[in-house]
């Protein structure tokens, strides 16, 4: 019998094809399709594509995987700001995937990793999540979009968010992708025991995840909220050229809600940018908002902007604010967005960025970061109930939501403006993150958007109500207020530190072990993550 053909190093064309398919399949795990097992399939294809023991070639293969994933996954960036920023952001994120491959290839040269499939799979998952953590931190504050964890909001692994947050869930998705590749590999090599073990692991992990308990009981009473999605007259960057119209749409939606619910609600939630004319300084905006709050008989939590001015009278900074507006009183609480979006709300390296797109000058005044944790107290039943607030993209950042809950937030609110992204998947991707945060921290959550998708989420991740895109709509919901902390909330950054440290130690060992020991180790015989026997070890 001839030796199995899978022992040969795959051709370069084959590995690139596997990489392209892997990235596209992985995107199918996210909204709008939401086929959560596709994330494991996409990662398995990447594992099989990375069989050559060349860090340079592995970087190119993984870069290809990243481009096929991110160019599709963040297509909304092209819709909002054009081809050049979309392509640049996709390339930057794909470079992180390429660096993951270099890390993984160096780690798997260790004899213990190469010889033990379980250790090989764990190291793969740790390396993957390390680079998710790193690209979420920088440059320019990082970009967590596309974390594997956010692909699992329709699957059983979502329950593990309450145990270890995005770090645990992303790592498990990557490990299961490796296990799937191992199952295919073992079947091709006619190893029924190893194949069976891999298949059992693929089934067992999601099934065991279903046993994680998720408490949805109200622990500190309830909050009755209204949610107003006012809509805009047209999508795109010009959607807020007529800011008066946007304020009017949300005021009208609130007054319409008052026809059936006046005096019944504790607070009405408006989205980010619902009032681009600041009602604290603009009389017309103040009149419209106060009239709506008086009609509904409840405070309104709304998104607006404020400015600071220099000695010359010109605006030198602006803030993306959420304020609590009490009827007849005005703004009583404010939260300023802590993490403005680079190249959208502020422009780093403006002179350089202008060479690639004149659109940077549409941001004439850079947005400055707020310095306070995202909590807005709302008076309910004789006490101030802390509402955790994450404005728009802030929901993607682990620390911002976690800090608000750790400091007392009993419910999570995500006010957002999705008008610039058209009919793309951006708003649904953001709602998936809101779902993940609800489970991660054991809190009811509301996403309220100018144009949709808005939604209400229970602490176990069930979306009980949602709106469509580019429609005016209003919802009401009773949210259970909760004070207990999940394990994920209590652990904070500990899982990140453990994962990054473990990956760093493995990488260091992979770099310092003498090459002759690697060659003598016979690596390559245990699975798809191993160096092929006849492959030349090279940097």
Protein backbone atom coordinates (compact mmCIF):
# COMPACT_ATOMS: atom_id res chain seq x y z
CA UNK A 1 0.00 0.00 0.00
CA UNK A 2 1.48 3.41 -0.95
CA UNK A 3 2.08 5.91 1.83
CA UNK A 4 -0.85 8.28 2.44
CA UNK A 5 -0.59 11.35 0.24
CA UNK A 6 -1.35 13.71 3.12
CA UNK A 7 2.22 13.30 4.40
CA UNK A 8 3.41 15.41 1.49
CA UNK A 9 3.66 19.15 1.92
CA UNK A 10 0.60 20.69 0.22
CA UNK A 11 1.26 22.82 -2.84
CA UNK A 12 1.45 26.56 -2.41
CA UNK A 13 -1.60 27.06 -4.61
CA UNK A 14 -3.56 24.64 -2.43
CA UNK A 15 -2.60 26.37 0.79
CA UNK A 16 -3.62 29.78 -0.58
CA UNK A 17 -6.94 28.37 -1.77
CA UNK A 18 -7.56 26.84 1.66
CA UNK A 19 -6.76 30.21 3.24
CA UNK A 20 -9.21 32.10 1.03
CA UNK A 21 -11.97 29.57 1.67
CA UNK A 22 -11.21 29.59 5.39
CA UNK A 23 -11.64 33.33 5.72
CA UNK A 24 -14.89 33.38 3.76
CA UNK A 25 -16.33 30.44 5.70
CA UNK A 26 -15.41 32.05 9.02
CA UNK A 27 -17.30 35.21 8.11
CA UNK A 28 -20.42 33.09 7.58
CA UNK A 29 -20.42 32.38 11.34
CA UNK A 30 -21.16 36.06 12.04
CA UNK A 31 -24.31 38.07 11.33
CA UNK A 32 -26.07 38.26 8.99
CA UNK A 33 -25.81 34.52 8.28
CA UNK A 34 -24.97 33.44 11.82
CA UNK A 35 -23.90 29.84 11.08
CA UNK A 36 -21.84 29.55 14.27
CA UNK A 37 -20.15 26.16 13.45
CA UNK A 38 -18.66 27.81 10.34
CA UNK A 39 -16.09 29.52 12.60
CA UNK A 40 -14.61 26.13 13.50
CA UNK A 41 -14.62 25.06 9.85
CA UNK A 42 -12.88 28.27 8.77
CA UNK A 43 -10.18 27.86 11.42
CA UNK A 44 -9.73 24.18 10.46
CA UNK A 45 -9.04 25.25 6.88
CA UNK A 46 -6.44 27.70 8.17
CA UNK A 47 -4.79 24.93 10.22
CA UNK A 48 -4.52 22.74 7.13
CA UNK A 49 -3.20 25.66 5.09
CA UNK A 50 -0.38 26.27 7.59
CA UNK A 51 1.36 22.91 7.26
CA UNK A 52 4.53 24.24 5.65
CA UNK A 53 7.24 24.93 8.21
CA UNK A 54 8.14 28.37 6.93
CA UNK A 55 7.28 31.40 9.01
CA UNK A 56 7.51 33.65 5.95
CA UNK A 57 5.16 31.50 3.91
CA UNK A 58 2.86 31.01 6.90
CA UNK A 59 2.61 34.78 7.26
CA UNK A 60 1.53 35.12 3.63
CA UNK A 61 -1.01 32.29 3.94
CA UNK A 62 -2.55 33.72 7.10
CA UNK A 63 -2.50 37.23 5.63
CA UNK A 64 -4.52 35.83 2.72
CA UNK A 65 -6.95 34.22 5.18
CA UNK A 66 -7.25 37.54 7.00
CA UNK A 67 -7.92 39.53 3.85
CA UNK A 68 -10.63 37.15 2.66
CA UNK A 69 -12.24 37.43 6.10
CA UNK A 70 -11.91 41.12 6.92
CA UNK A 71 -12.60 42.55 3.47
CA UNK A 72 -16.01 40.88 3.67
CA UNK A 73 -16.60 41.16 7.41
CA UNK A 74 -16.08 44.94 7.61
CA UNK A 75 -17.51 45.79 4.20
CA UNK A 76 -19.54 48.38 6.09
CA UNK A 77 -16.38 50.51 6.38
CA UNK A 78 -16.37 50.88 2.59
CA UNK A 79 -20.02 51.87 2.74
CA UNK A 80 -19.31 54.50 5.39
CA UNK A 81 -15.93 56.04 4.51
CA UNK A 82 -14.82 54.62 1.17
CA UNK A 83 -12.44 52.13 -0.40
CA UNK A 84 -9.09 53.34 0.93
CA UNK A 85 -9.96 53.36 4.68
CA UNK A 86 -11.82 50.04 4.33
CA UNK A 87 -8.87 48.41 2.57
CA UNK A 88 -6.31 49.91 4.98
CA UNK A 89 -8.22 48.68 8.04
CA UNK A 90 -8.64 45.22 6.51
CA UNK A 91 -4.93 44.98 5.73
CA UNK A 92 -3.96 46.11 9.23
CA UNK A 93 -6.15 43.45 10.84
CA UNK A 94 -4.92 40.81 8.41
CA UNK A 95 -1.32 41.56 9.34
CA UNK A 96 -2.23 40.56 12.90
CA UNK A 97 -3.49 37.22 11.56
CA UNK A 98 -0.23 36.83 9.67
CA UNK A 99 1.76 37.46 12.84
CA UNK A 100 -0.38 34.85 14.61
CA UNK A 101 0.76 32.32 12.00
CA UNK A 102 4.42 33.20 12.57
CA UNK A 103 3.91 32.77 16.31
CA UNK A 104 2.15 29.44 15.84
CA UNK A 105 4.78 28.04 13.47
CA UNK A 106 7.58 28.89 15.87
CA UNK A 107 5.70 27.40 18.82
CA UNK A 108 4.82 24.14 17.09
CA UNK A 109 8.51 23.41 16.45
CA UNK A 110 8.78 22.48 20.11
CA UNK A 111 8.95 18.70 20.41
CA UNK A 112 6.34 18.45 23.21
CA UNK A 113 3.89 20.52 21.16
CA UNK A 114 4.53 18.59 17.94
CA UNK A 115 4.20 15.18 19.63
CA UNK A 116 1.01 15.84 21.61
CA UNK A 117 -2.09 16.76 19.59
CA UNK A 118 -3.93 18.10 22.67
CA UNK A 119 -1.04 20.45 23.50
CA UNK A 120 -0.73 21.43 19.86
CA UNK A 121 -4.42 22.37 19.74
CA UNK A 122 -4.22 24.32 22.99
CA UNK A 123 -1.14 26.22 21.80
CA UNK A 124 -2.94 27.06 18.55
CA UNK A 125 -5.88 28.49 20.49
CA UNK A 126 -3.66 30.46 22.86
CA UNK A 127 -1.66 31.97 20.01
CA UNK A 128 -4.83 32.92 18.12
CA UNK A 129 -6.40 34.66 21.11
CA UNK A 130 -3.16 36.43 22.00
CA UNK A 131 -3.23 38.18 18.65
CA UNK A 132 -6.92 38.99 19.07
CA UNK A 133 -6.02 40.66 22.36
CA UNK A 134 -3.09 42.53 20.82
CA UNK A 135 -4.98 43.84 17.80
CA UNK A 136 -7.80 44.91 20.14
CA UNK A 137 -5.33 47.06 22.08
CA UNK A 138 -3.45 48.87 19.30
CA UNK A 139 -2.58 50.75 17.26
CA UNK A 140 -4.79 53.79 17.90
CA UNK A 141 -6.66 52.01 20.67
CA UNK A 142 -7.16 48.77 18.76
CA UNK A 143 -10.02 47.22 16.81
CA UNK A 144 -11.76 44.18 18.36
CA UNK A 145 -14.16 43.64 15.45
CA UNK A 146 -14.11 40.08 14.15
CA UNK A 147 -13.24 38.36 17.42
CA UNK A 148 -14.22 34.70 17.11
CA UNK A 149 -16.23 35.00 20.33
CA UNK A 150 -18.69 37.35 18.64
CA UNK A 151 -19.54 34.64 16.09
CA UNK A 152 -21.00 32.38 18.79
CA UNK A 153 -24.02 34.36 19.97
CA UNK A 154 -26.43 31.88 18.38
CA UNK A 155 -24.58 28.80 19.63
CA UNK A 156 -24.02 26.90 22.89
CA UNK A 157 -20.55 28.36 23.51
CA UNK A 158 -22.21 31.70 24.26
CA UNK A 159 -22.91 30.46 27.80
CA UNK A 160 -19.18 30.32 28.45
CA UNK A 161 -19.05 34.10 28.07
CA UNK A 162 -20.18 34.30 31.71
CA UNK A 163 -17.18 32.17 32.71
CA UNK A 164 -14.29 33.69 30.76
CA UNK A 165 -15.58 36.38 28.40
CA UNK A 166 -14.28 36.79 24.87
CA UNK A 167 -10.91 35.33 25.83
CA UNK A 168 -12.28 31.92 26.78
CA UNK A 169 -14.81 31.68 23.95
CA UNK A 170 -12.38 32.76 21.22
CA UNK A 171 -9.76 30.32 22.48
CA UNK A 172 -12.23 27.43 22.47
CA UNK A 173 -13.44 28.25 18.95
CA UNK A 174 -9.83 28.22 17.71
CA UNK A 175 -9.07 24.97 19.58
CA UNK A 176 -12.18 23.32 18.14
CA UNK A 177 -11.11 24.44 14.68
CA UNK A 178 -7.79 22.68 15.29
CA UNK A 179 -9.62 19.58 16.56
CA UNK A 180 -11.77 19.52 13.43
CA UNK A 181 -8.65 19.65 11.27
CA UNK A 182 -7.19 16.84 13.40
CA UNK A 183 -10.31 14.73 12.87
CA UNK A 184 -9.97 15.11 9.11
CA UNK A 185 -6.24 14.41 9.29
CA UNK A 186 -6.66 11.28 11.41
CA UNK A 187 -9.41 9.96 9.16
CA UNK A 188 -7.19 10.39 6.11
CA UNK A 189 -4.36 8.55 7.87
CA UNK A 190 -6.73 5.75 8.94
CA UNK A 191 -6.42 6.30 12.69
CA UNK A 192 -9.95 5.47 13.89
CA UNK A 193 -9.16 5.96 17.58
CA UNK A 194 -7.78 9.45 17.07
CA UNK A 195 -10.61 10.33 14.70
CA UNK A 196 -13.21 9.17 17.20
CA UNK A 197 -11.55 11.11 20.02
CA UNK A 198 -11.51 14.30 17.95
CA UNK A 199 -15.17 13.93 16.93
CA UNK A 200 -16.18 13.28 20.54
CA UNK A 201 -14.36 16.45 21.61
CA UNK A 202 -16.13 18.45 18.89
CA UNK A 203 -19.48 17.26 20.21
CA UNK A 204 -18.68 17.28 23.93
CA UNK A 205 -17.50 20.88 24.31
CA UNK A 206 -20.70 22.51 22.97
CA UNK A 207 -22.88 20.02 24.86
CA UNK A 208 -21.07 20.60 28.15
CA UNK A 209 -21.34 24.35 27.57
CA UNK A 210 -25.12 24.03 27.72
CA UNK A 211 -24.78 23.00 31.37
CA UNK A 212 -23.42 26.42 32.40
CA UNK A 213 -26.22 28.08 34.42
CA UNK A 214 -27.32 31.58 33.46
CA UNK A 215 -29.43 33.45 36.02
CA UNK A 216 -32.00 35.84 34.57
CA UNK A 217 -33.90 36.72 37.75
CA UNK A 218 -34.36 40.35 38.75
CA UNK A 219 -32.30 40.92 41.91
CA UNK A 220 -33.00 44.60 42.58
CA UNK A 221 -36.39 45.29 41.06
CA UNK A 222 -37.14 46.23 37.48
CA UNK A 223 -36.78 49.18 35.13
CA UNK A 224 -39.55 50.04 32.66
CA UNK A 225 -37.92 51.54 29.60
CA UNK A 226 -39.02 53.00 26.32
CA UNK A 227 -36.77 52.67 23.26
CA UNK A 228 -37.15 55.18 20.41
CA UNK A 229 -35.60 54.64 16.97
CA UNK A 230 -36.38 57.86 15.16
CA UNK A 231 -34.80 57.03 11.76
CA UNK A 232 -33.29 59.50 9.26
CA UNK A 233 -34.50 60.64 5.86
CA UNK A 234 -31.57 59.09 3.98
CA UNK A 235 -28.66 56.77 4.83
CA UNK A 236 -24.99 57.62 4.43
CA UNK A 237 -22.59 60.27 5.64
CA UNK A 238 -25.14 63.00 4.94
CA UNK A 239 -27.76 61.45 7.18
CA UNK A 240 -27.23 64.03 9.91
CA UNK A 241 -26.91 67.12 7.74
CA UNK A 242 -30.37 68.02 8.99
CA UNK A 243 -29.86 67.47 12.70
CA UNK A 244 -33.11 69.30 13.50
CA UNK A 245 -35.03 66.64 11.61
CA UNK A 246 -33.31 63.86 13.59
CA UNK A 247 -34.19 65.51 16.91
CA UNK A 248 -37.75 65.95 15.69
CA UNK A 249 -38.02 62.31 14.64
CA UNK A 250 -37.04 61.11 18.10
CA UNK A 251 -39.23 63.65 19.87
CA UNK A 252 -42.19 62.63 17.69
CA UNK A 253 -41.50 58.95 18.39
CA UNK A 254 -41.49 59.65 22.13
CA UNK A 255 -44.72 61.65 21.97
CA UNK A 256 -46.27 58.79 19.99
CA UNK A 257 -45.14 56.38 22.67
CA UNK A 258 -46.80 58.61 25.27
CA UNK A 259 -50.20 57.96 23.72
CA UNK A 260 -50.22 54.50 25.33
CA UNK A 261 -47.48 54.69 27.98
CA UNK A 262 -47.46 58.19 29.51
CA UNK A 263 -46.51 57.98 33.18
CA UNK A 264 -45.72 54.25 32.95
CA UNK A 265 -42.01 54.34 32.11
CA UNK A 266 -38.95 54.95 34.26
CA UNK A 267 -36.75 56.21 31.41
CA UNK A 268 -36.84 56.56 27.62
CA UNK A 269 -33.71 55.63 25.68
CA UNK A 270 -32.65 57.58 22.58
CA UNK A 271 -29.62 56.63 20.48
CA UNK A 272 -26.21 58.16 19.90
CA UNK A 273 -26.42 61.42 17.90
CA UNK A 274 -30.17 61.69 18.46
CA UNK A 275 -29.59 65.37 19.28
CA UNK A 276 -26.51 66.72 17.52
CA UNK A 277 -27.65 70.16 18.62
CA UNK A 278 -26.81 70.09 22.32
CA UNK A 279 -29.99 70.82 24.31
CA UNK A 280 -27.82 72.18 27.14
CA UNK A 281 -26.89 75.15 24.93
CA UNK A 282 -29.42 75.16 22.06
CA UNK A 283 -32.88 76.53 22.90
CA UNK A 284 -34.72 74.83 20.02
CA UNK A 285 -33.28 71.41 20.84
CA UNK A 286 -34.05 71.95 24.52
CA UNK A 287 -37.67 72.80 23.77
CA UNK A 288 -38.19 69.70 21.59
CA UNK A 289 -36.56 67.31 24.06
CA UNK A 290 -38.20 68.77 27.15
CA UNK A 291 -41.58 68.65 25.43
CA UNK A 292 -41.10 64.96 24.64
CA UNK A 293 -39.94 64.20 28.20
CA UNK A 294 -42.91 66.05 29.66
CA UNK A 295 -45.33 64.21 27.37
CA UNK A 296 -44.02 60.75 28.31
CA UNK A 297 -43.62 61.70 31.98
CA UNK A 298 -40.11 60.25 32.26
CA UNK A 299 -36.48 61.29 31.82
CA UNK A 300 -34.84 60.73 28.44
CA UNK A 301 -31.34 59.30 28.10
CA UNK A 302 -30.07 60.71 24.81
CA UNK A 303 -26.94 61.08 22.71
CA UNK A 304 -25.60 64.54 21.92
CA UNK A 305 -22.29 66.41 21.53
CA UNK A 306 -20.49 69.09 23.50
CA UNK A 307 -17.48 71.27 22.73
CA UNK A 308 -14.63 72.94 24.54
CA UNK A 309 -13.19 76.19 23.21
CA UNK A 310 -9.76 77.73 23.14
CA UNK A 311 -8.76 81.31 23.98
CA UNK A 312 -9.43 82.31 20.36
CA UNK A 313 -13.05 81.21 20.65
CA UNK A 314 -12.63 78.26 18.30
CA UNK A 315 -13.67 74.74 19.23
CA UNK A 316 -10.59 72.72 20.13
CA UNK A 317 -12.28 69.46 21.18
CA UNK A 318 -15.68 67.83 21.17
CA UNK A 319 -17.22 65.03 23.20
CA UNK A 320 -19.68 62.30 22.34
CA UNK A 321 -22.07 62.55 25.29
CA UNK A 322 -25.01 60.63 26.68
CA UNK A 323 -27.06 62.84 29.01
CA UNK A 324 -30.04 62.15 31.23
CA UNK A 325 -32.68 64.81 30.61
CA UNK A 326 -35.26 65.32 33.35
CA UNK A 327 -38.54 66.95 32.25
CA UNK A 328 -38.69 70.55 33.41
CA UNK A 329 -35.15 70.37 34.82
CA UNK A 330 -32.76 69.52 32.00
CA UNK A 331 -29.53 67.53 31.93
CA UNK A 332 -28.72 66.02 35.32
CA UNK A 333 -26.17 63.31 34.40
CA UNK A 334 -23.64 62.93 31.59
CA UNK A 335 -21.28 60.27 30.28
CA UNK A 336 -18.66 61.10 27.63
CA UNK A 337 -17.49 58.35 25.29
CA UNK A 338 -14.15 57.00 26.48
CA UNK A 339 -13.00 55.44 23.22
CA UNK A 340 -13.61 57.68 20.17
CA UNK A 341 -13.15 55.85 16.88
CA UNK A 342 -9.85 56.73 15.14
CA UNK A 343 -10.14 58.06 11.58
CA UNK A 344 -13.88 58.52 12.15
CA UNK A 345 -14.38 60.62 15.28
CA UNK A 346 -10.81 61.88 15.47
CA UNK A 347 -8.01 61.81 12.91
CA UNK A 348 -4.57 60.57 13.99
CA UNK A 349 -1.70 61.59 11.70
CA UNK A 350 -4.04 63.97 9.91
CA UNK A 351 -1.48 65.29 7.39
CA UNK A 352 -0.55 61.77 6.33
CA UNK A 353 -4.14 60.51 6.31
CA UNK A 354 -5.21 63.39 4.08
CA UNK A 355 -2.94 62.08 1.30
CA UNK A 356 -5.10 58.97 1.09
CA UNK A 357 -8.54 60.50 1.57
CA UNK A 358 -9.79 64.07 1.64
CA UNK A 359 -12.71 62.80 3.73
CA UNK A 360 -10.58 63.15 6.86
CA UNK A 361 -11.31 66.88 6.81
CA UNK A 362 -15.01 66.15 7.30
CA UNK A 363 -13.91 65.68 10.92
CA UNK A 364 -13.05 69.33 11.50
CA UNK A 365 -12.86 69.07 15.32
CA UNK A 366 -11.31 65.96 16.82
CA UNK A 367 -13.31 64.10 19.44
CA UNK A 368 -11.62 63.84 22.84
CA UNK A 369 -12.01 60.82 25.14
CA UNK A 370 -14.09 60.99 28.28
CA UNK A 371 -12.44 60.02 31.54
CA UNK A 372 -15.31 58.59 33.61
CA UNK A 373 -16.57 55.00 33.74
CA UNK A 374 -19.70 54.45 31.65
CA UNK A 375 -22.45 54.81 34.27
CA UNK A 376 -25.51 57.05 34.15
CA UNK A 377 -27.64 56.96 37.33
CA UNK A 378 -31.41 56.91 36.69
CA UNK A 379 -33.87 57.63 39.53
CA UNK A 380 -36.24 54.65 39.85
CA UNK A 381 -38.48 53.85 42.80
CA UNK A 382 -36.67 56.15 45.20
CA UNK A 383 -33.08 55.22 44.35
CA UNK A 384 -30.50 55.97 41.66
CA UNK A 385 -30.15 52.88 39.47
CA UNK A 386 -26.76 52.77 37.69
CA UNK A 387 -27.20 52.18 33.96
CA UNK A 388 -24.02 50.96 32.27
CA UNK A 389 -23.48 52.84 28.99
CA UNK A 390 -21.24 51.81 26.06
CA UNK A 391 -21.59 54.19 23.13
CA UNK A 392 -21.58 52.54 19.70
CA UNK A 393 -18.21 50.80 19.04
CA UNK A 394 -17.42 50.82 22.78
CA UNK A 395 -19.48 47.64 23.10
CA UNK A 396 -16.69 45.81 21.25
CA UNK A 397 -14.11 46.66 23.93
CA UNK A 398 -14.05 44.23 26.86
CA UNK A 399 -12.84 46.63 29.51
CA UNK A 400 -15.34 49.44 28.91
CA UNK A 401 -18.42 47.32 29.57
CA UNK A 402 -16.76 45.26 32.30
CA UNK A 403 -15.70 48.33 34.28
CA UNK A 404 -19.21 49.78 34.29
CA UNK A 405 -20.69 46.51 35.58
CA UNK A 406 -17.90 46.01 38.12
CA UNK A 407 -18.67 49.50 39.47
CA UNK A 408 -22.34 48.78 39.92
CA UNK A 409 -24.22 48.93 36.61
CA UNK A 410 -27.42 46.90 36.89
CA UNK A 411 -28.35 47.03 33.19
CA UNK A 412 -26.41 47.73 29.98
CA UNK A 413 -27.40 50.30 27.34
CA UNK A 414 -25.68 50.60 23.95
CA UNK A 415 -26.77 53.83 22.20
CA UNK A 416 -25.50 53.79 18.63
CA UNK A 417 -25.77 55.56 15.29
CA UNK A 418 -25.67 53.18 12.33
CA UNK A 419 -26.97 55.57 9.68
CA UNK A 420 -23.63 55.72 7.83
CA UNK A 421 -23.45 51.97 7.22
CA UNK A 422 -26.45 51.51 4.95
CA UNK A 423 -27.91 48.02 4.61
CA UNK A 424 -24.67 46.28 5.62
CA UNK A 425 -24.25 43.80 8.49
CA UNK A 426 -22.62 46.36 10.81
CA UNK A 427 -25.67 46.99 12.99
CA UNK A 428 -26.41 43.28 13.39
CA UNK A 429 -22.76 42.58 14.18
CA UNK A 430 -23.04 45.21 16.90
CA UNK A 431 -26.23 43.65 18.25
CA UNK A 432 -24.39 40.32 18.48
CA UNK A 433 -21.78 42.04 20.65
CA UNK A 434 -24.56 43.43 22.84
CA UNK A 435 -25.91 39.89 23.21
CA UNK A 436 -22.46 38.65 24.19
CA UNK A 437 -22.04 41.40 26.80
CA UNK A 438 -25.45 40.60 28.31
CA UNK A 439 -24.37 37.00 28.95
CA UNK A 440 -20.79 37.87 29.89
CA UNK A 441 -21.92 40.16 32.70
CA UNK A 442 -25.34 38.72 33.54
CA UNK A 443 -27.23 41.90 32.70
CA UNK A 444 -30.26 42.78 30.63
CA UNK A 445 -29.10 44.91 27.71
CA UNK A 446 -30.63 47.31 25.21
CA UNK A 447 -29.14 48.44 21.91
CA UNK A 448 -30.88 51.59 20.68
CA UNK A 449 -29.99 52.85 17.21
CA UNK A 450 -30.95 55.88 15.15
CA UNK A 451 -31.93 53.68 12.20
CA UNK A 452 -31.75 50.08 13.52
CA UNK A 453 -31.07 47.48 14.45
CA UNK A 454 -32.32 48.18 18.01
CA UNK A 455 -32.96 45.28 20.34
CA UNK A 456 -33.75 44.11 23.87
CA UNK A 457 -31.63 41.26 25.29
CA UNK A 458 -32.13 39.18 28.43
CA UNK A 459 -29.18 38.20 30.67
CA UNK A 460 -29.08 34.74 29.04
CA UNK A 461 -28.65 36.23 25.56
CA UNK A 462 -32.18 35.98 24.18
CA UNK A 463 -33.22 38.86 21.91
CA UNK A 464 -36.84 39.39 22.93
CA UNK A 465 -37.53 42.39 20.68
CA UNK A 466 -35.76 43.95 17.72
CA UNK A 467 -36.43 46.52 15.03
CA UNK A 468 -35.68 46.61 11.33
CA UNK A 469 -33.21 48.82 9.48
CA UNK A 470 -34.20 52.31 8.35
CA UNK A 471 -37.59 52.34 9.98
CA UNK A 472 -39.06 54.57 12.67
CA UNK A 473 -40.07 52.43 15.62
CA UNK A 474 -40.62 52.49 19.36
CA UNK A 475 -40.52 49.66 21.90
CA UNK A 476 -41.16 49.23 25.60
CA UNK A 477 -39.59 46.63 27.85
CA UNK A 478 -39.33 45.70 31.51
CA UNK A 479 -35.71 44.97 32.40
CA UNK A 480 -34.70 42.96 35.44
CA UNK A 481 -32.08 44.83 37.48
CA UNK A 482 -29.21 42.63 38.63
CA UNK A 483 -26.35 43.19 41.06
CA UNK A 484 -24.48 39.86 41.24
CA UNK A 485 -21.25 39.53 39.25
CA UNK A 486 -20.38 36.71 36.89
CA UNK A 487 -17.04 34.95 37.09
CA UNK A 488 -16.01 36.71 33.88
CA UNK A 489 -16.70 40.12 35.43
CA UNK A 490 -14.87 39.27 38.65
CA UNK A 491 -11.77 37.94 36.88
CA UNK A 492 -11.30 41.11 34.84
CA UNK A 493 -8.15 41.00 32.71
CA UNK A 494 -6.76 37.85 34.35
CA UNK A 495 -7.67 35.53 31.42
CA UNK A 496 -5.95 37.93 28.99
CA UNK A 497 -2.79 38.03 31.10
CA UNK A 498 -2.70 34.24 31.40
CA UNK A 499 -3.21 33.68 27.66
CA UNK A 500 -0.64 36.26 26.55
CA UNK A 501 1.90 35.07 29.13
CA UNK A 502 1.48 31.41 28.18
CA UNK A 503 1.83 32.23 24.48
CA UNK A 504 4.91 34.34 25.20
CA UNK A 505 6.59 31.54 27.13
CA UNK A 506 5.81 28.99 24.40
CA UNK A 507 7.11 31.36 21.75
CA UNK A 508 10.30 32.01 23.68
CA UNK A 509 10.88 28.28 24.06
CA UNK A 510 10.21 27.75 20.35
CA UNK A 511 12.81 30.35 19.47
CA UNK A 512 15.58 29.19 21.80
CA UNK A 513 15.37 25.40 21.43
CA UNK A 514 18.33 24.38 19.20
CA UNK A 515 17.40 23.48 15.65
CA UNK A 516 19.16 20.12 15.89
CA UNK A 517 16.89 19.10 18.77
CA UNK A 518 13.86 20.00 16.67
CA UNK A 519 15.15 17.87 13.82
CA UNK A 520 15.83 14.91 16.12
CA UNK A 521 12.38 15.22 17.70
CA UNK A 522 10.67 13.72 14.66
CA UNK A 523 8.03 16.42 14.73
CA UNK A 524 5.35 16.11 12.12
CA UNK A 525 3.89 12.73 12.90
CA UNK A 526 1.11 13.69 15.27
CA UNK A 527 -1.28 15.92 13.37
CA UNK A 528 -2.09 18.82 11.06
CA UNK A 529 -0.29 21.35 13.23
CA UNK A 530 3.02 19.52 12.95
CA UNK A 531 5.94 20.11 10.65
CA UNK A 532 5.81 17.66 7.71
CA UNK A 533 8.58 15.10 8.01
CA UNK A 534 10.38 16.05 4.84
CA UNK A 535 9.86 19.79 5.16
CA UNK A 536 12.95 21.88 5.64
CA UNK A 537 12.89 23.89 8.85
CA UNK A 538 13.46 27.52 7.97
CA UNK A 539 12.62 30.92 9.31
